[in-house]
PDB file of N, CA and C in Angstrom:
ATOM      1  N   UNK A   1      26.209-111.518 -28.273  1.00  0.00           N
ATOM      2  CA  UNK A   1      26.966-111.357 -27.288  1.00  0.00           C
ATOM      3  C   UNK A   1      27.933-109.958 -27.564  1.00  0.00           C
ATOM      4  N   UNK A   2      28.644-110.072 -26.457  1.00  0.00           N
ATOM      5  CA  UNK A   2      29.342-108.637 -26.648  1.00  0.00           C
ATOM      6  C   UNK A   2      29.770-108.299 -25.221  1.00  0.00           C
ATOM      7  N   UNK A   3      30.772-107.287 -25.150  1.00  0.00           N
ATOM      8  CA  UNK A   3      31.332-107.242 -23.429  1.00  0.00           C
ATOM      9  C   UNK A   3      30.414-106.132 -22.752  1.00  0.00           C
ATOM     10  N   UNK A   4      30.575-106.485 -21.422  1.00  0.00           N
ATOM     11  CA  UNK A   4      29.532-105.602 -20.639  1.00  0.00           C
ATOM     12  C   UNK A   4      30.010-104.138 -20.567  1.00  0.00           C
ATOM     13  N   UNK A   5      28.873-103.219 -20.422  1.00  0.00           N
ATOM     14  CA  UNK A   5      29.340-102.024 -20.503  1.00  0.00           C
ATOM     15  C   UNK A   5      30.221-101.570 -19.020  1.00  0.00           C
ATOM     16  N   UNK A   6      31.132-100.833 -19.632  1.00  0.00           N
ATOM     17  CA  UNK A   6      31.911-100.603 -17.969  1.00  0.00           C
ATOM     18  C   UNK A   6      33.212-101.387 -17.918  1.00  0.00           C
ATOM     19  N   UNK A   7      33.319-102.469 -18.684  1.00  0.00           N
ATOM     20  CA  UNK A   7      34.225-103.402 -18.561  1.00  0.00           C
ATOM     21  C   UNK A   7      35.783-102.910 -18.937  1.00  0.00           C
ATOM     22  N   UNK A   8      36.721-103.400 -18.397  1.00  0.00           N
ATOM     23  CA  UNK A   8      38.141-102.974 -18.898  1.00  0.00           C
ATOM     24  C   UNK A   8      38.467-103.990 -20.094  1.00  0.00           C
ATOM     25  N   UNK A   9      39.239-103.205 -21.054  1.00  0.00           N
ATOM     26  CA  UNK A   9      39.487-104.109 -22.018  1.00  0.00           C
ATOM     27  C   UNK A   9      40.437-103.229 -23.096  1.00  0.00           C
ATOM     28  N   UNK A  10      41.545-104.084 -23.738  1.00  0.00           N
ATOM     29  CA  UNK A  10      42.556-103.342 -24.105  1.00  0.00           C
ATOM     30  C   UNK A  10      42.435-104.015 -25.588  1.00  0.00           C
ATOM     31  N   UNK A  11      42.480-103.550 -26.862  1.00  0.00           N
ATOM     32  CA  UNK A  11      42.530-103.858 -28.070  1.00  0.00           C
ATOM     33  C   UNK A  11      43.722-104.509 -28.437  1.00  0.00           C
ATOM     34  N   UNK A  12      44.049-105.735 -28.737  1.00  0.00           N
ATOM     35  CA  UNK A  12      45.448-106.132 -28.946  1.00  0.00           C
ATOM     36  C   UNK A  12      45.686-105.719 -30.287  1.00  0.00           C
ATOM     37  N   UNK A  13      44.953-105.425 -31.059  1.00  0.00           N
ATOM     38  CA  UNK A  13      45.155-104.949 -32.789  1.00  0.00           C
ATOM     39  C   UNK A  13      46.111-103.761 -32.592  1.00  0.00           C
ATOM     40  N   UNK A  14      46.141-103.085 -31.486  1.00  0.00           N
ATOM     41  CA  UNK A  14      46.665-101.969 -31.196  1.00  0.00           C
ATOM     42  C   UNK A  14      48.335-102.031 -31.198  1.00  0.00           C
ATOM     43  N   UNK A  15      48.446-103.296 -30.649  1.00  0.00           N
ATOM     44  CA  UNK A  15      49.864-103.585 -30.165  1.00  0.00           C
ATOM     45  C   UNK A  15      50.325-104.574 -31.572  1.00  0.00           C
ATOM     46  N   UNK A  16      49.487-104.616 -32.440  1.00  0.00           N
ATOM     47  CA  UNK A  16      50.257-105.536 -33.767  1.00  0.00           C
ATOM     48  C   UNK A  16      51.399-104.932 -34.225  1.00  0.00           C
ATOM     49  N   UNK A  17      51.659-103.593 -34.263  1.00  0.00           N
ATOM     50  CA  UNK A  17      52.774-102.932 -34.825  1.00  0.00           C
ATOM     51  C   UNK A  17      53.947-103.316 -34.061  1.00  0.00           C
ATOM     52  N   UNK A  18      54.248-103.792 -32.741  1.00  0.00           N
ATOM     53  CA  UNK A  18      55.218-104.031 -32.184  1.00  0.00           C
ATOM     54  C   UNK A  18      56.260-104.730 -33.011  1.00  0.00           C
ATOM     55  N   UNK A  19      57.502-104.828 -33.067  1.00  0.00           N
ATOM     56  CA  UNK A  19      58.345-105.235 -33.421  1.00  0.00           C
ATOM     57  C   UNK A  19      58.024-106.954 -33.749  1.00  0.00           C
ATOM     58  N   UNK A  20      58.664-107.449 -34.731  1.00  0.00           N
ATOM     59  CA  UNK A  20      58.504-109.059 -35.064  1.00  0.00           C
ATOM     60  C   UNK A  20      59.782-109.231 -35.079  1.00  0.00           C
ATOM     61  N   UNK A  21      60.507-109.787 -34.286  1.00  0.00           N
ATOM     62  CA  UNK A  21      62.221-109.908 -34.028  1.00  0.00           C
ATOM     63  C   UNK A  21      62.472-111.085 -35.698  1.00  0.00           C
ATOM     64  N   UNK A  22      61.828-112.162 -35.877  1.00  0.00           N
ATOM     65  CA  UNK A  22      62.341-112.834 -36.757  1.00  0.00           C
ATOM     66  C   UNK A  22      61.933-112.836 -38.021  1.00  0.00           C
ATOM     67  N   UNK A  23      61.146-112.107 -38.294  1.00  0.00           N
ATOM     68  CA  UNK A  23      60.296-111.840 -39.563  1.00  0.00           C
ATOM     69  C   UNK A  23      60.951-111.694 -40.864  1.00  0.00           C
ATOM     70  N   UNK A  24      62.260-111.035 -40.809  1.00  0.00           N
ATOM     71  CA  UNK A  24      63.092-111.240 -42.049  1.00  0.00           C
ATOM     72  C   UNK A  24      63.325-112.714 -42.264  1.00  0.00           C
ATOM     73  N   UNK A  25      64.062-113.346 -41.502  1.00  0.00           N
ATOM     74  CA  UNK A  25      64.526-114.819 -41.407  1.00  0.00           C
ATOM     75  C   UNK A  25      63.187-115.598 -41.906  1.00  0.00           C
ATOM     76  N   UNK A  26      62.308-115.635 -41.416  1.00  0.00           N
ATOM     77  CA  UNK A  26      61.143-116.032 -41.959  1.00  0.00           C
ATOM     78  C   UNK A  26      60.901-115.995 -43.179  1.00  0.00           C
ATOM     79  N   UNK A  27      60.598-114.998 -43.614  1.00  0.00           N
ATOM     80  CA  UNK A  27      60.301-114.584 -45.029  1.00  0.00           C
ATOM     81  C   UNK A  27      61.158-115.255 -46.051  1.00  0.00           C
ATOM     82  N   UNK A  28      62.528-114.661 -45.725  1.00  0.00           N
ATOM     83  CA  UNK A  28      63.590-115.344 -46.538  1.00  0.00           C
ATOM     84  C   UNK A  28      63.419-116.840 -46.836  1.00  0.00           C
ATOM     85  N   UNK A  29      63.250-117.509 -45.592  1.00  0.00           N
ATOM     86  CA  UNK A  29      63.132-118.968 -45.718  1.00  0.00           C
ATOM     87  C   UNK A  29      61.860-119.408 -46.683  1.00  0.00           C
ATOM     88  N   UNK A  30      60.752-118.605 -46.552  1.00  0.00           N
ATOM     89  CA  UNK A  30      59.339-119.007 -47.120  1.00  0.00           C
ATOM     90  C   UNK A  30      60.030-118.478 -48.485  1.00  0.00           C
ATOM     91  N   UNK A  31      60.326-117.527 -48.968  1.00  0.00           N
ATOM     92  CA  UNK A  31      60.685-117.067 -50.313  1.00  0.00           C
ATOM     93  C   UNK A  31      61.564-118.154 -51.191  1.00  0.00           C
ATOM     94  N   UNK A  32      62.847-118.784 -50.133  1.00  0.00           N
ATOM     95  CA  UNK A  32      63.465-119.629 -50.494  1.00  0.00           C
ATOM     96  C   UNK A  32      62.812-120.938 -51.151  1.00  0.00           C
ATOM     97  N   UNK A  33      62.084-121.389 -50.469  1.00  0.00           N
ATOM     98  CA  UNK A  33      61.111-122.674 -50.301  1.00  0.00           C
ATOM     99  C   UNK A  33      60.516-122.471 -51.565  1.00  0.00           C
ATOM    100  N   UNK A  34      59.752-121.346 -51.406  1.00  0.00           N
ATOM    101  CA  UNK A  34      58.737-121.014 -52.783  1.00  0.00           C
ATOM    102  C   UNK A  34      59.705-121.254 -54.295  1.00  0.00           C
ATOM    103  N   UNK A  35      60.807-120.629 -54.060  1.00  0.00           N
ATOM    104  CA  UNK A  35      61.674-120.622 -55.531  1.00  0.00           C
ATOM    105  C   UNK A  35      62.326-122.050 -55.744  1.00  0.00           C
ATOM    106  N   UNK A  36      62.539-122.698 -55.182  1.00  0.00           N
ATOM    107  CA  UNK A  36      63.178-124.006 -54.930  1.00  0.00           C
ATOM    108  C   UNK A  36      61.869-125.300 -55.117  1.00  0.00           C
ATOM    109  N   UNK A  37      60.880-124.697 -55.218  1.00  0.00           N
ATOM    110  CA  UNK A  37      59.893-126.068 -55.012  1.00  0.00           C
ATOM    111  C   UNK A  37      59.853-126.769 -53.955  1.00  0.00           C
ATOM    112  N   UNK A  38      60.175-126.133 -52.650  1.00  0.00           N
ATOM    113  CA  UNK A  38      59.849-126.872 -51.306  1.00  0.00           C
ATOM    114  C   UNK A  38      60.850-127.807 -50.951  1.00  0.00           C
ATOM    115  N   UNK A  39      61.944-127.675 -51.656  1.00  0.00           N
ATOM    116  CA  UNK A  39      63.298-128.499 -51.561  1.00  0.00           C
ATOM    117  C   UNK A  39      64.141-127.862 -50.371  1.00  0.00           C
ATOM    118  N   UNK A  40      64.236-128.549 -49.214  1.00  0.00           N
ATOM    119  CA  UNK A  40      64.789-128.160 -47.930  1.00  0.00           C
ATOM    120  C   UNK A  40      66.245-128.105 -48.141  1.00  0.00           C
ATOM    121  N   UNK A  41      66.661-129.096 -49.149  1.00  0.00           N
ATOM    122  CA  UNK A  41      68.053-128.951 -48.842  1.00  0.00           C
ATOM    123  C   UNK A  41      68.547-127.863 -49.466  1.00  0.00           C
ATOM    124  N   UNK A  42      68.317-126.888 -50.437  1.00  0.00           N
ATOM    125  CA  UNK A  42      68.794-125.741 -50.988  1.00  0.00           C
ATOM    126  C   UNK A  42      68.691-124.600 -50.180  1.00  0.00           C
ATOM    127  N   UNK A  43      67.476-124.770 -48.982  1.00  0.00           N
ATOM    128  CA  UNK A  43      67.420-123.663 -48.069  1.00  0.00           C
ATOM    129  C   UNK A  43      68.292-123.945 -46.333  1.00  0.00           C
ATOM    130  N   UNK A  44      69.222-124.756 -46.576  1.00  0.00           N
ATOM    131  CA  UNK A  44      69.506-125.083 -44.902  1.00  0.00           C
ATOM    132  C   UNK A  44      69.994-123.956 -44.346  1.00  0.00           C
ATOM    133  N   UNK A  45      70.870-122.910 -45.247  1.00  0.00           N
ATOM    134  CA  UNK A  45      71.446-121.574 -44.616  1.00  0.00           C
ATOM    135  C   UNK A  45      70.134-120.705 -43.977  1.00  0.00           C
ATOM    136  N   UNK A  46      69.150-120.646 -44.905  1.00  0.00           N
ATOM    137  CA  UNK A  46      67.905-119.612 -44.247  1.00  0.00           C
ATOM    138  C   UNK A  46      67.140-120.401 -42.989  1.00  0.00           C
ATOM    139  N   UNK A  47      67.341-121.659 -43.017  1.00  0.00           N
ATOM    140  CA  UNK A  47      66.735-122.724 -42.056  1.00  0.00           C
ATOM    141  C   UNK A  47      67.477-122.421 -40.715  1.00  0.00           C
ATOM    142  N   UNK A  48      69.009-122.176 -41.007  1.00  0.00           N
ATOM    143  CA  UNK A  48      69.672-122.005 -39.660  1.00  0.00           C
ATOM    144  C   UNK A  48      69.842-120.803 -39.397  1.00  0.00           C
ATOM    145  N   UNK A  49      69.603-119.868 -39.979  1.00  0.00           N
ATOM    146  CA  UNK A  49      69.373-118.293 -39.538  1.00  0.00           C
ATOM    147  C   UNK A  49      68.199-118.111 -38.673  1.00  0.00           C
ATOM    148  N   UNK A  50      67.144-118.718 -39.067  1.00  0.00           N
ATOM    149  CA  UNK A  50      65.591-118.652 -38.730  1.00  0.00           C
ATOM    150  C   UNK A  50      65.991-119.468 -37.434  1.00  0.00           C
ATOM    151  N   UNK A  51      66.267-120.582 -37.327  1.00  0.00           N
ATOM    152  CA  UNK A  51      66.716-121.479 -36.074  1.00  0.00           C
ATOM    153  C   UNK A  51      67.447-120.637 -34.959  1.00  0.00           C
ATOM    154  N   UNK A  52      68.549-120.312 -35.072  1.00  0.00           N
ATOM    155  CA  UNK A  52      69.282-119.179 -34.267  1.00  0.00           C
ATOM    156  C   UNK A  52      68.698-118.014 -33.875  1.00  0.00           C
ATOM    157  N   UNK A  53      67.796-117.216 -34.684  1.00  0.00           N
ATOM    158  CA  UNK A  53      67.069-116.259 -34.298  1.00  0.00           C
ATOM    159  C   UNK A  53      65.948-116.435 -33.389  1.00  0.00           C
ATOM    160  N   UNK A  54      65.177-117.844 -33.591  1.00  0.00           N
ATOM    161  CA  UNK A  54      64.245-117.895 -32.871  1.00  0.00           C
ATOM    162  C   UNK A  54      64.547-118.283 -31.443  1.00  0.00           C
ATOM    163  N   UNK A  55      65.964-118.912 -31.237  1.00  0.00           N
ATOM    164  CA  UNK A  55      66.574-119.427 -30.376  1.00  0.00           C
ATOM    165  C   UNK A  55      67.187-118.250 -29.451  1.00  0.00           C
ATOM    166  N   UNK A  56      67.554-117.144 -30.191  1.00  0.00           N
ATOM    167  CA  UNK A  56      67.901-116.174 -29.207  1.00  0.00           C
ATOM    168  C   UNK A  56      66.779-115.423 -28.610  1.00  0.00           C
ATOM    169  N   UNK A  57      65.558-115.287 -29.305  1.00  0.00           N
ATOM    170  CA  UNK A  57      64.457-114.916 -28.889  1.00  0.00           C
ATOM    171  C   UNK A  57      63.583-115.597 -27.933  1.00  0.00           C
ATOM    172  N   UNK A  58      63.900-116.818 -27.398  1.00  0.00           N
ATOM    173  CA  UNK A  58      63.333-117.512 -26.716  1.00  0.00           C
ATOM    174  C   UNK A  58      62.714-116.940 -25.482  1.00  0.00           C
ATOM    175  N   UNK A  59      63.665-116.573 -24.585  1.00  0.00           N
ATOM    176  CA  UNK A  59      63.307-116.039 -23.359  1.00  0.00           C
ATOM    177  C   UNK A  59      63.175-114.798 -23.237  1.00  0.00           C
ATOM    178  N   UNK A  60      63.405-113.952 -24.528  1.00  0.00           N
ATOM    179  CA  UNK A  60      63.625-112.465 -24.142  1.00  0.00           C
ATOM    180  C   UNK A  60      62.229-111.528 -24.362  1.00  0.00           C
ATOM    181  N   UNK A  61      61.704-110.883 -23.178  1.00  0.00           N
ATOM    182  CA  UNK A  61      60.849-110.196 -23.201  1.00  0.00           C
ATOM    183  C   UNK A  61      59.623-111.112 -22.901  1.00  0.00           C
ATOM    184  N   UNK A  62      59.711-112.112 -22.565  1.00  0.00           N
ATOM    185  CA  UNK A  62      58.465-113.067 -22.413  1.00  0.00           C
ATOM    186  C   UNK A  62      57.811-112.711 -20.898  1.00  0.00           C
ATOM    187  N   UNK A  63      56.566-112.503 -21.287  1.00  0.00           N
ATOM    188  CA  UNK A  63      55.668-112.575 -19.912  1.00  0.00           C
ATOM    189  C   UNK A  63      55.460-113.796 -19.220  1.00  0.00           C
ATOM    190  N   UNK A  64      55.532-114.017 -17.967  1.00  0.00           N
ATOM    191  CA  UNK A  64      55.475-115.239 -17.274  1.00  0.00           C
ATOM    192  C   UNK A  64      53.915-115.563 -17.155  1.00  0.00           C
ATOM    193  N   UNK A  65      52.950-114.435 -17.400  1.00  0.00           N
ATOM    194  CA  UNK A  65      51.792-114.555 -17.077  1.00  0.00           C
ATOM    195  C   UNK A  65      50.960-114.393 -18.327  1.00  0.00           C
ATOM    196  N   UNK A  66      49.443-114.511 -18.003  1.00  0.00           N
ATOM    197  CA  UNK A  66      48.810-114.467 -19.007  1.00  0.00           C
ATOM    198  C   UNK A  66      48.514-113.371 -19.607  1.00  0.00           C
ATOM    199  N   UNK A  67      47.353-112.883 -20.688  1.00  0.00           N
ATOM    200  CA  UNK A  67      47.465-111.508 -21.357  1.00  0.00           C
ATOM    201  C   UNK A  67      46.722-110.510 -20.239  1.00  0.00           C
ATOM    202  N   UNK A  68      47.165-109.500 -20.846  1.00  0.00           N
ATOM    203  CA  UNK A  68      46.697-108.289 -19.959  1.00  0.00           C
ATOM    204  C   UNK A  68      45.065-108.331 -19.667  1.00  0.00           C
ATOM    205  N   UNK A  69      44.368-108.589 -20.714  1.00  0.00           N
ATOM    206  CA  UNK A  69      42.790-108.883 -20.659  1.00  0.00           C
ATOM    207  C   UNK A  69      42.366-109.960 -19.704  1.00  0.00           C
ATOM    208  N   UNK A  70      43.299-111.224 -19.331  1.00  0.00           N
ATOM    209  CA  UNK A  70      42.945-111.843 -18.681  1.00  0.00           C
ATOM    210  C   UNK A  70      43.008-111.246 -17.149  1.00  0.00           C
ATOM    211  N   UNK A  71      44.079-110.501 -16.767  1.00  0.00           N
ATOM    212  CA  UNK A  71      44.030-110.027 -15.545  1.00  0.00           C
ATOM    213  C   UNK A  71      43.528-109.081 -15.219  1.00  0.00           C
ATOM    214  N   UNK A  72      42.764-107.942 -16.042  1.00  0.00           N
ATOM    215  CA  UNK A  72      41.932-107.093 -16.032  1.00  0.00           C
ATOM    216  C   UNK A  72      40.370-107.767 -15.667  1.00  0.00           C
ATOM    217  N   UNK A  73      40.020-108.950 -16.311  1.00  0.00           N
ATOM    218  CA  UNK A  73      38.902-109.431 -15.898  1.00  0.00           C
ATOM    219  C   UNK A  73      38.810-110.172 -14.591  1.00  0.00           C
ATOM    220  N   UNK A  74      40.009-110.656 -14.039  1.00  0.00           N
ATOM    221  CA  UNK A  74      40.241-111.080 -12.828  1.00  0.00           C
ATOM    222  C   UNK A  74      40.028-110.094 -11.657  1.00  0.00           C
ATOM    223  N   UNK A  75      40.932-108.838 -12.177  1.00  0.00           N
ATOM    224  CA  UNK A  75      40.614-108.031 -10.899  1.00  0.00           C
ATOM    225  C   UNK A  75      39.223-107.353 -10.985  1.00  0.00           C
ATOM    226  N   UNK A  76      38.615-107.184 -11.947  1.00  0.00           N
ATOM    227  CA  UNK A  76      37.196-106.841 -12.120  1.00  0.00           C
ATOM    228  C   UNK A  76      36.299-107.433 -11.305  1.00  0.00           C
ATOM    229  N   UNK A  77      36.521-108.926 -11.356  1.00  0.00           N
ATOM    230  CA  UNK A  77      35.580-109.739 -10.588  1.00  0.00           C
ATOM    231  C   UNK A  77      36.084-109.729  -9.092  1.00  0.00           C
ATOM    232  N   UNK A  78      37.134-109.605  -8.697  1.00  0.00           N
ATOM    233  CA  UNK A  78      37.491-109.378  -7.247  1.00  0.00           C
ATOM    234  C   UNK A  78      37.032-108.285  -6.731  1.00  0.00           C
ATOM    235  N   UNK A  79      36.714-107.048  -7.685  1.00  0.00           N
ATOM    236  CA  UNK A  79      36.354-105.786  -7.265  1.00  0.00           C
ATOM    237  C   UNK A  79      34.846-105.857  -6.737  1.00  0.00           C
ATOM    238  N   UNK A  80      34.016-107.034  -7.230  1.00  0.00           N
ATOM    239  CA  UNK A  80      32.649-107.011  -7.063  1.00  0.00           C
ATOM    240  C   UNK A  80      32.207-107.687  -5.944  1.00  0.00           C
TER     241      UNK A  80
END
């Protein structure tokens, strides 16, 4: 199994270095949970920070359609 020769494809790993907007907040929450023995009551501040970050990122930069590889495949089928 593999891709056909001459097909269009974009490697998603090349775009893995793009910014991850709430990574700092998530790491802070996970560190807090690890040090407190998974006690949620001690990490309320970190949980609220992560929730506000994800709420603000909910619609920012979101593409309404599928992945670029899906569309490239669809266009190549239409070309035939």
